[in-house]
Amino acid sequence: MQGKTVEIITIDGPVASGKGSVSAGVAKALGFHVLDSGSLYRLAALSCQREQVDPSDEKTVEAVALKLAPVFKDGRIYLQKEDVTEAIREESVGVMASKIATSKLLRKALFDLQRRFAQPPGLVADGRDMGSVVFPEAHLKIFLTASAESRAQRRFNQLKELGITSNINNLVSDLKERDKRDTERAVAPLKPAEGARVLDSSQLTLQQTIDKVLEWYHESRA
């Protein structure tokens, strides 16, 4: 459902910038729905995997995607009431996601799915092109960024909590390489959407970042 009654906040930005956590916090504070667009390809992949779909069969992959009705709530992801937050992070799902992500039919299906998330009273959508491509009419567009060093430290801490050993220098290097690829790619390069407010969270806590977005939101409605 689209229209003036639906307020939309988009939060785009580079990998590991904290888009998901900020979006969840803002949505909870406002009572809005939330869309984690980056998970949609993995959700489609998980469904294709479970239905034993050939990833090269674009029409069937599209049909599977069109049936998706995921729910994002309190930082968890549900598919047909099943919590699949961990399941979509499995390596085999990632491999399937990379195989089906090149399909134009799938991309169109997921674009339409993302648009359907715009329901009253409002939506907070995070991703890479939410403000520029999917919801160009958004009331507030945020481009959330942070230095590669601060993002690497956050990722390092997350992995440590999960019991995964990592190297901070390698993480910094990987993030910088990813940023370079994303900003220089020919199709939908990563950049702030027109009219977006850039928020550098390098020196901010998660709550401070959420509070800043909420402050800008209330300013936009004044």
C-alpha atoms as a PDB file:
ATOM      1  CA  MET A   1       0.000   0.000   0.000  1.00  0.00           C
ATOM      2  CA  GLN A   2       1.570   3.223  -1.147  1.00  0.00           C
ATOM      3  CA  GLY A   3       0.537   6.802  -0.590  1.00  0.00           C
ATOM      4  CA  LYS A   4       0.695   9.867   1.596  1.00  0.00           C
ATOM      5  CA  THR A   5      -0.381   7.907   4.689  1.00  0.00           C
ATOM      6  CA  VAL A   6       2.783   5.802   4.594  1.00  0.00           C
ATOM      7  CA  GLU A   7       5.920   7.463   5.900  1.00  0.00           C
ATOM      8  CA  ILE A   8       9.172   5.918   4.716  1.00  0.00           C
ATOM      9  CA  ILE A   9      12.688   6.254   6.111  1.00  0.00           C
ATOM     10  CA  THR A  10      15.500   4.727   4.063  1.00  0.00           C
ATOM     11  CA  ILE A  11      18.883   3.907   5.558  1.00  0.00           C
ATOM     12  CA  ASP A  12      21.509   3.028   2.973  1.00  0.00           C
ATOM     13  CA  GLY A  13      25.236   2.648   3.392  1.00  0.00           C
ATOM     14  CA  PRO A  14      28.313   0.478   3.000  1.00  0.00           C
ATOM     15  CA  VAL A  15      28.776  -2.975   4.449  1.00  0.00           C
ATOM     16  CA  ALA A  16      29.106  -3.189   8.260  1.00  0.00           C
ATOM     17  CA  SER A  17      27.935   0.392   8.771  1.00  0.00           C
ATOM     18  CA  GLY A  18      25.280  -0.778  11.243  1.00  0.00           C
ATOM     19  CA  LYS A  19      22.290  -0.192   8.981  1.00  0.00           C
ATOM     20  CA  GLY A  20      20.356  -3.180  10.315  1.00  0.00           C
ATOM     21  CA  SER A  21      20.760  -2.353  13.997  1.00  0.00           C
ATOM     22  CA  VAL A  22      19.974   1.334  13.455  1.00  0.00           C
ATOM     23  CA  SER A  23      16.936   0.544  11.305  1.00  0.00           C
ATOM     24  CA  ALA A  24      15.583  -1.887  13.888  1.00  0.00           C
ATOM     25  CA  GLY A  25      16.043   0.680  16.663  1.00  0.00           C
ATOM     26  CA  VAL A  26      14.404   3.506  14.711  1.00  0.00           C
ATOM     27  CA  ALA A  27      11.489   1.281  13.650  1.00  0.00           C
ATOM     28  CA  LYS A  28      10.915   0.126  17.229  1.00  0.00           C
ATOM     29  CA  ALA A  29      10.922   3.706  18.534  1.00  0.00           C
ATOM     30  CA  LEU A  30       8.385   4.835  15.923  1.00  0.00           C
ATOM     31  CA  GLY A  31       6.261   1.685  15.776  1.00  0.00           C
ATOM     32  CA  PHE A  32       7.114   1.324  12.084  1.00  0.00           C
ATOM     33  CA  HIS A  33       7.608  -1.805  10.007  1.00  0.00           C
ATOM     34  CA  VAL A  34      11.190  -2.657   9.070  1.00  0.00           C
ATOM     35  CA  LEU A  35      12.692  -4.047   5.871  1.00  0.00           C
ATOM     36  CA  ASP A  36      16.123  -5.700   5.826  1.00  0.00           C
ATOM     37  CA  SER A  37      16.500  -5.719   2.051  1.00  0.00           C
ATOM     38  CA  GLY A  38      19.890  -7.392   2.131  1.00  0.00           C
ATOM     39  CA  SER A  39      18.327 -10.584   3.503  1.00  0.00           C
ATOM     40  CA  LEU A  40      15.818 -11.006   0.687  1.00  0.00           C
ATOM     41  CA  TYR A  41      18.165 -12.797  -1.706  1.00  0.00           C
ATOM     42  CA  ARG A  42      19.143 -15.211   1.060  1.00  0.00           C
ATOM     43  CA  LEU A  43      15.474 -15.766   1.914  1.00  0.00           C
ATOM     44  CA  ALA A  44      14.761 -16.536  -1.744  1.00  0.00           C
ATOM     45  CA  ALA A  45      17.800 -18.817  -1.804  1.00  0.00           C
ATOM     46  CA  LEU A  46      16.690 -20.675   1.324  1.00  0.00           C
ATOM     47  CA  SER A  47      13.229 -21.234  -0.160  1.00  0.00           C
ATOM     48  CA  CYS A  48      14.712 -22.414  -3.473  1.00  0.00           C
ATOM     49  CA  GLN A  49      17.030 -24.750  -1.598  1.00  0.00           C
ATOM     50  CA  ARG A  50      14.172 -26.248   0.412  1.00  0.00           C
ATOM     51  CA  GLU A  51      12.033 -26.692  -2.694  1.00  0.00           C
ATOM     52  CA  GLN A  52      15.009 -28.180  -4.570  1.00  0.00           C
ATOM     53  CA  VAL A  53      14.807 -25.588  -7.317  1.00  0.00           C
ATOM     54  CA  ASP A  54      17.489 -25.508 -10.009  1.00  0.00           C
ATOM     55  CA  PRO A  55      19.113 -22.064  -9.609  1.00  0.00           C
ATOM     56  CA  SER A  56      19.373 -21.759 -13.405  1.00  0.00           C
ATOM     57  CA  ASP A  57      15.573 -22.145 -13.768  1.00  0.00           C
ATOM     58  CA  GLU A  58      14.768 -18.436 -13.648  1.00  0.00           C
ATOM     59  CA  LYS A  59      10.994 -18.768 -13.985  1.00  0.00           C
ATOM     60  CA  THR A  60      10.741 -21.172 -11.037  1.00  0.00           C
ATOM     61  CA  VAL A  61      13.123 -19.043  -8.965  1.00  0.00           C
ATOM     62  CA  GLU A  62      10.903 -16.045  -9.741  1.00  0.00           C
ATOM     63  CA  ALA A  63       7.796 -18.008  -8.712  1.00  0.00           C
ATOM     64  CA  VAL A  64       9.415 -18.906  -5.391  1.00  0.00           C
ATOM     65  CA  ALA A  65      10.368 -15.267  -4.773  1.00  0.00           C
ATOM     66  CA  LEU A  66       6.856 -14.053  -5.566  1.00  0.00           C
ATOM     67  CA  LYS A  67       5.504 -16.295  -2.783  1.00  0.00           C
ATOM     68  CA  LEU A  68       7.858 -14.906  -0.134  1.00  0.00           C
ATOM     69  CA  ALA A  69       6.174 -13.130   2.782  1.00  0.00           C
ATOM     70  CA  PRO A  70       8.994 -12.500   5.280  1.00  0.00           C
ATOM     71  CA  VAL A  71       8.497 -10.662   8.552  1.00  0.00           C
ATOM     72  CA  PHE A  72      11.280  -8.633  10.175  1.00  0.00           C
ATOM     73  CA  LYS A  73      10.732  -8.091  13.889  1.00  0.00           C
ATOM     74  CA  ASP A  74      13.009  -7.227  16.814  1.00  0.00           C
ATOM     75  CA  GLY A  75      16.107  -8.017  14.798  1.00  0.00           C
ATOM     76  CA  ARG A  76      14.828 -11.470  13.810  1.00  0.00           C
ATOM     77  CA  ILE A  77      13.643 -12.720  10.415  1.00  0.00           C
ATOM     78  CA  TYR A  78      10.595 -14.955  10.052  1.00  0.00           C
ATOM     79  CA  LEU A  79       9.391 -16.933   7.052  1.00  0.00           C
ATOM     80  CA  GLN A  80       5.947 -18.523   7.436  1.00  0.00           C
ATOM     81  CA  LYS A  81       6.258 -17.936  11.199  1.00  0.00           C
ATOM     82  CA  GLU A  82       9.582 -19.820  11.329  1.00  0.00           C
ATOM     83  CA  ASP A  83      12.597 -17.937  12.693  1.00  0.00           C
ATOM     84  CA  VAL A  84      15.158 -18.267   9.886  1.00  0.00           C
ATOM     85  CA  THR A  85      17.615 -15.632  11.125  1.00  0.00           C
ATOM     86  CA  GLU A  86      20.423 -18.158  11.483  1.00  0.00           C
ATOM     87  CA  ALA A  87      19.327 -20.469   8.675  1.00  0.00           C
ATOM     88  CA  ILE A  88      19.790 -17.825   5.963  1.00  0.00           C
ATOM     89  CA  ARG A  89      23.380 -17.257   7.109  1.00  0.00           C
ATOM     90  CA  GLU A  90      24.447 -20.824   6.374  1.00  0.00           C
ATOM     91  CA  GLU A  91      27.191 -21.157   3.765  1.00  0.00           C
ATOM     92  CA  SER A  92      25.074 -23.275   1.403  1.00  0.00           C
ATOM     93  CA  VAL A  93      22.365 -20.588   1.389  1.00  0.00           C
ATOM     94  CA  GLY A  94      24.956 -17.944   0.570  1.00  0.00           C
ATOM     95  CA  VAL A  95      26.189 -20.037  -2.349  1.00  0.00           C
ATOM     96  CA  MET A  96      22.643 -20.441  -3.658  1.00  0.00           C
ATOM     97  CA  ALA A  97      22.007 -16.709  -3.221  1.00  0.00           C
ATOM     98  CA  SER A  98      25.035 -15.836  -5.335  1.00  0.00           C
ATOM     99  CA  LYS A  99      23.796 -18.176  -8.085  1.00  0.00           C
ATOM    100  CA  ILE A 100      20.292 -16.715  -8.312  1.00  0.00           C
ATOM    101  CA  ALA A 101      21.189 -13.049  -7.706  1.00  0.00           C
ATOM    102  CA  THR A 102      22.039 -12.454 -11.377  1.00  0.00           C
ATOM    103  CA  SER A 103      18.487 -13.246 -12.509  1.00  0.00           C
ATOM    104  CA  LYS A 104      16.618 -10.187 -13.819  1.00  0.00           C
ATOM    105  CA  LEU A 105      13.306 -11.937 -13.112  1.00  0.00           C
ATOM    106  CA  LEU A 106      14.317 -12.467  -9.489  1.00  0.00           C
ATOM    107  CA  ARG A 107      15.479  -8.889  -9.088  1.00  0.00           C
ATOM    108  CA  LYS A 108      12.154  -7.613 -10.431  1.00  0.00           C
ATOM    109  CA  ALA A 109      10.215  -9.933  -8.107  1.00  0.00           C
ATOM    110  CA  LEU A 110      12.206  -8.768  -5.088  1.00  0.00           C
ATOM    111  CA  PHE A 111      11.803  -5.114  -6.107  1.00  0.00           C
ATOM    112  CA  ASP A 112       8.035  -5.573  -6.093  1.00  0.00           C
ATOM    113  CA  LEU A 113       8.236  -7.411  -2.749  1.00  0.00           C
ATOM    114  CA  GLN A 114      10.207  -4.546  -1.217  1.00  0.00           C
ATOM    115  CA  ARG A 115       7.644  -2.017  -2.406  1.00  0.00           C
ATOM    116  CA  ARG A 116       4.889  -4.005  -0.699  1.00  0.00           C
ATOM    117  CA  PHE A 117       6.568  -3.469   2.676  1.00  0.00           C
ATOM    118  CA  ALA A 118       5.431   0.166   2.610  1.00  0.00           C
ATOM    119  CA  GLN A 119       2.440  -0.234   4.916  1.00  0.00           C
ATOM    120  CA  PRO A 120       0.906   2.159   7.467  1.00  0.00           C
ATOM    121  CA  PRO A 121       1.931   3.587   9.810  1.00  0.00           C
ATOM    122  CA  GLY A 122       5.382   3.627   8.235  1.00  0.00           C
ATOM    123  CA  LEU A 123       8.503   1.767   7.126  1.00  0.00           C
ATOM    124  CA  VAL A 124      12.218   1.877   7.852  1.00  0.00           C
ATOM    125  CA  ALA A 125      14.069   0.216   4.962  1.00  0.00           C
ATOM    126  CA  ASP A 126      17.775  -0.524   5.002  1.00  0.00           C
ATOM    127  CA  GLY A 127      19.987  -1.596   2.151  1.00  0.00           C
ATOM    128  CA  ARG A 128      22.151  -0.240  -0.623  1.00  0.00           C
ATOM    129  CA  ASP A 129      19.639   1.436  -2.959  1.00  0.00           C
ATOM    130  CA  MET A 130      16.526   1.913  -0.833  1.00  0.00           C
ATOM    131  CA  GLY A 131      16.514   5.700  -1.172  1.00  0.00           C
ATOM    132  CA  SER A 132      17.792   5.898  -4.734  1.00  0.00           C
ATOM    133  CA  VAL A 133      15.915   3.071  -6.472  1.00  0.00           C
ATOM    134  CA  VAL A 134      13.293   1.304  -4.373  1.00  0.00           C
ATOM    135  CA  PHE A 135      11.752   4.191  -2.398  1.00  0.00           C
ATOM    136  CA  PRO A 136      12.805   7.428  -4.124  1.00  0.00           C
ATOM    137  CA  GLU A 137       9.723   9.096  -2.590  1.00  0.00           C
ATOM    138  CA  ALA A 138      10.923   8.423   0.990  1.00  0.00           C
ATOM    139  CA  HIS A 139      10.217  11.158   3.526  1.00  0.00           C
ATOM    140  CA  LEU A 140      13.698  10.870   5.028  1.00  0.00           C
ATOM    141  CA  LYS A 141      16.754   9.367   3.347  1.00  0.00           C
ATOM    142  CA  ILE A 142      19.829   8.527   5.401  1.00  0.00           C
ATOM    143  CA  PHE A 143      23.227   7.470   4.093  1.00  0.00           C
ATOM    144  CA  LEU A 144      24.876   5.824   7.088  1.00  0.00           C
ATOM    145  CA  THR A 145      28.607   5.562   6.931  1.00  0.00           C
ATOM    146  CA  ALA A 146      31.639   5.113   9.174  1.00  0.00           C
ATOM    147  CA  SER A 147      35.366   4.734   8.688  1.00  0.00           C
ATOM    148  CA  ALA A 148      36.615   1.345   7.559  1.00  0.00           C
ATOM    149  CA  GLU A 149      38.561   1.117  10.814  1.00  0.00           C
ATOM    150  CA  SER A 150      35.519   1.644  13.051  1.00  0.00           C
ATOM    151  CA  ARG A 151      33.407  -0.733  10.966  1.00  0.00           C
ATOM    152  CA  ALA A 152      36.136  -3.361  11.126  1.00  0.00           C
ATOM    153  CA  GLN A 153      36.296  -3.000  14.906  1.00  0.00           C
ATOM    154  CA  ARG A 154      32.535  -3.506  15.183  1.00  0.00           C
ATOM    155  CA  ARG A 155      32.706  -6.572  12.943  1.00  0.00           C
ATOM    156  CA  PHE A 156      35.669  -7.894  14.936  1.00  0.00           C
ATOM    157  CA  ASN A 157      33.678  -7.547  18.171  1.00  0.00           C
ATOM    158  CA  GLN A 158      30.644  -9.266  16.638  1.00  0.00           C
ATOM    159  CA  LEU A 159      32.725 -12.192  15.437  1.00  0.00           C
ATOM    160  CA  LYS A 160      34.451 -12.442  18.801  1.00  0.00           C
ATOM    161  CA  GLU A 161      31.061 -12.711  20.538  1.00  0.00           C
ATOM    162  CA  LEU A 162      30.231 -15.563  18.173  1.00  0.00           C
ATOM    163  CA  GLY A 163      33.477 -17.305  19.055  1.00  0.00           C
ATOM    164  CA  ILE A 164      34.990 -16.644  15.629  1.00  0.00           C
ATOM    165  CA  THR A 165      38.634 -15.631  15.436  1.00  0.00           C
ATOM    166  CA  SER A 166      39.463 -12.833  12.999  1.00  0.00           C
ATOM    167  CA  ASN A 167      42.239 -10.389  12.188  1.00  0.00           C
ATOM    168  CA  ILE A 168      41.418  -6.685  12.503  1.00  0.00           C
ATOM    169  CA  ASN A 169      43.868  -5.656   9.755  1.00  0.00           C
ATOM    170  CA  ASN A 170      42.392  -8.171   7.342  1.00  0.00           C
ATOM    171  CA  LEU A 171      38.889  -6.924   8.143  1.00  0.00           C
ATOM    172  CA  VAL A 172      39.908  -3.319   7.393  1.00  0.00           C
ATOM    173  CA  SER A 173      41.492  -4.385   4.104  1.00  0.00           C
ATOM    174  CA  ASP A 174      38.448  -6.454   3.107  1.00  0.00           C
ATOM    175  CA  LEU A 175      36.038  -3.596   3.864  1.00  0.00           C
ATOM    176  CA  LYS A 176      38.078  -1.102   1.844  1.00  0.00           C
ATOM    177  CA  GLU A 177      38.152  -3.486  -1.123  1.00  0.00           C
ATOM    178  CA  ARG A 178      34.394  -4.059  -0.838  1.00  0.00           C
ATOM    179  CA  ASP A 179      33.758  -0.307  -0.662  1.00  0.00           C
ATOM    180  CA  LYS A 180      35.853   0.238  -3.796  1.00  0.00           C
ATOM    181  CA  ARG A 181      33.942  -2.417  -5.739  1.00  0.00           C
ATOM    182  CA  ASP A 182      30.563  -1.159  -4.574  1.00  0.00           C
ATOM    183  CA  THR A 183      31.209   2.499  -5.363  1.00  0.00           C
ATOM    184  CA  GLU A 184      32.799   1.844  -8.762  1.00  0.00           C
ATOM    185  CA  ARG A 185      30.397  -0.774 -10.155  1.00  0.00           C
ATOM    186  CA  ALA A 186      28.518   0.162 -13.315  1.00  0.00           C
ATOM    187  CA  VAL A 187      25.045  -0.839 -12.095  1.00  0.00           C
ATOM    188  CA  ALA A 188      23.589   1.000  -9.080  1.00  0.00           C
ATOM    189  CA  PRO A 189      26.901   2.132  -7.552  1.00  0.00           C
ATOM    190  CA  LEU A 190      26.851   2.737  -3.808  1.00  0.00           C
ATOM    191  CA  LYS A 191      26.342   6.431  -3.162  1.00  0.00           C
ATOM    192  CA  PRO A 192      23.980   8.695  -1.213  1.00  0.00           C
ATOM    193  CA  ALA A 193      20.536   9.011  -2.782  1.00  0.00           C
ATOM    194  CA  GLU A 194      19.455  12.420  -4.014  1.00  0.00           C
ATOM    195  CA  GLY A 195      18.411  14.462  -0.982  1.00  0.00           C
ATOM    196  CA  ALA A 196      19.923  11.998   1.513  1.00  0.00           C
ATOM    197  CA  ARG A 197      21.434  13.174   4.793  1.00  0.00           C
ATOM    198  CA  VAL A 198      24.855  11.654   5.425  1.00  0.00           C
ATOM    199  CA  LEU A 199      25.413  10.349   8.953  1.00  0.00           C
ATOM    200  CA  ASP A 200      28.938   9.332   9.956  1.00  0.00           C
ATOM    201  CA  SER A 201      28.662   7.070  12.998  1.00  0.00           C
ATOM    202  CA  SER A 202      32.405   6.479  13.445  1.00  0.00           C
ATOM    203  CA  GLN A 203      32.403   8.230  16.835  1.00  0.00           C
ATOM    204  CA  LEU A 204      28.806   7.459  17.814  1.00  0.00           C
ATOM    205  CA  THR A 205      27.294   4.626  19.826  1.00  0.00           C
ATOM    206  CA  LEU A 206      24.391   2.669  18.383  1.00  0.00           C
ATOM    207  CA  GLN A 207      21.897   4.565  20.566  1.00  0.00           C
ATOM    208  CA  GLN A 208      23.387   7.935  19.615  1.00  0.00           C
ATOM    209  CA  THR A 209      23.046   7.026  15.944  1.00  0.00           C
ATOM    210  CA  ILE A 210      19.428   5.942  16.404  1.00  0.00           C
ATOM    211  CA  ASP A 211      18.685   9.154  18.310  1.00  0.00           C
ATOM    212  CA  LYS A 212      20.164  11.268  15.502  1.00  0.00           C
ATOM    213  CA  VAL A 213      17.991   9.581  12.887  1.00  0.00           C
ATOM    214  CA  LEU A 214      14.933  10.100  15.100  1.00  0.00           C
ATOM    215  CA  GLU A 215      15.880  13.758  15.556  1.00  0.00           C
ATOM    216  CA  TRP A 216      16.091  14.233  11.772  1.00  0.00           C
ATOM    217  CA  TYR A 217      12.806  12.393  11.324  1.00  0.00           C
ATOM    218  CA  HIS A 218      10.961  14.680  13.736  1.00  0.00           C
ATOM    219  CA  GLU A 219      12.599  17.705  12.082  1.00  0.00           C
ATOM    220  CA  SER A 220      11.323  16.515   8.685  1.00  0.00           C
ATOM    221  CA  ARG A 221       7.772  16.377  10.009  1.00  0.00           C
ATOM    222  CA  ALA A 222       7.850  19.783  11.701  1.00  0.00           C
END
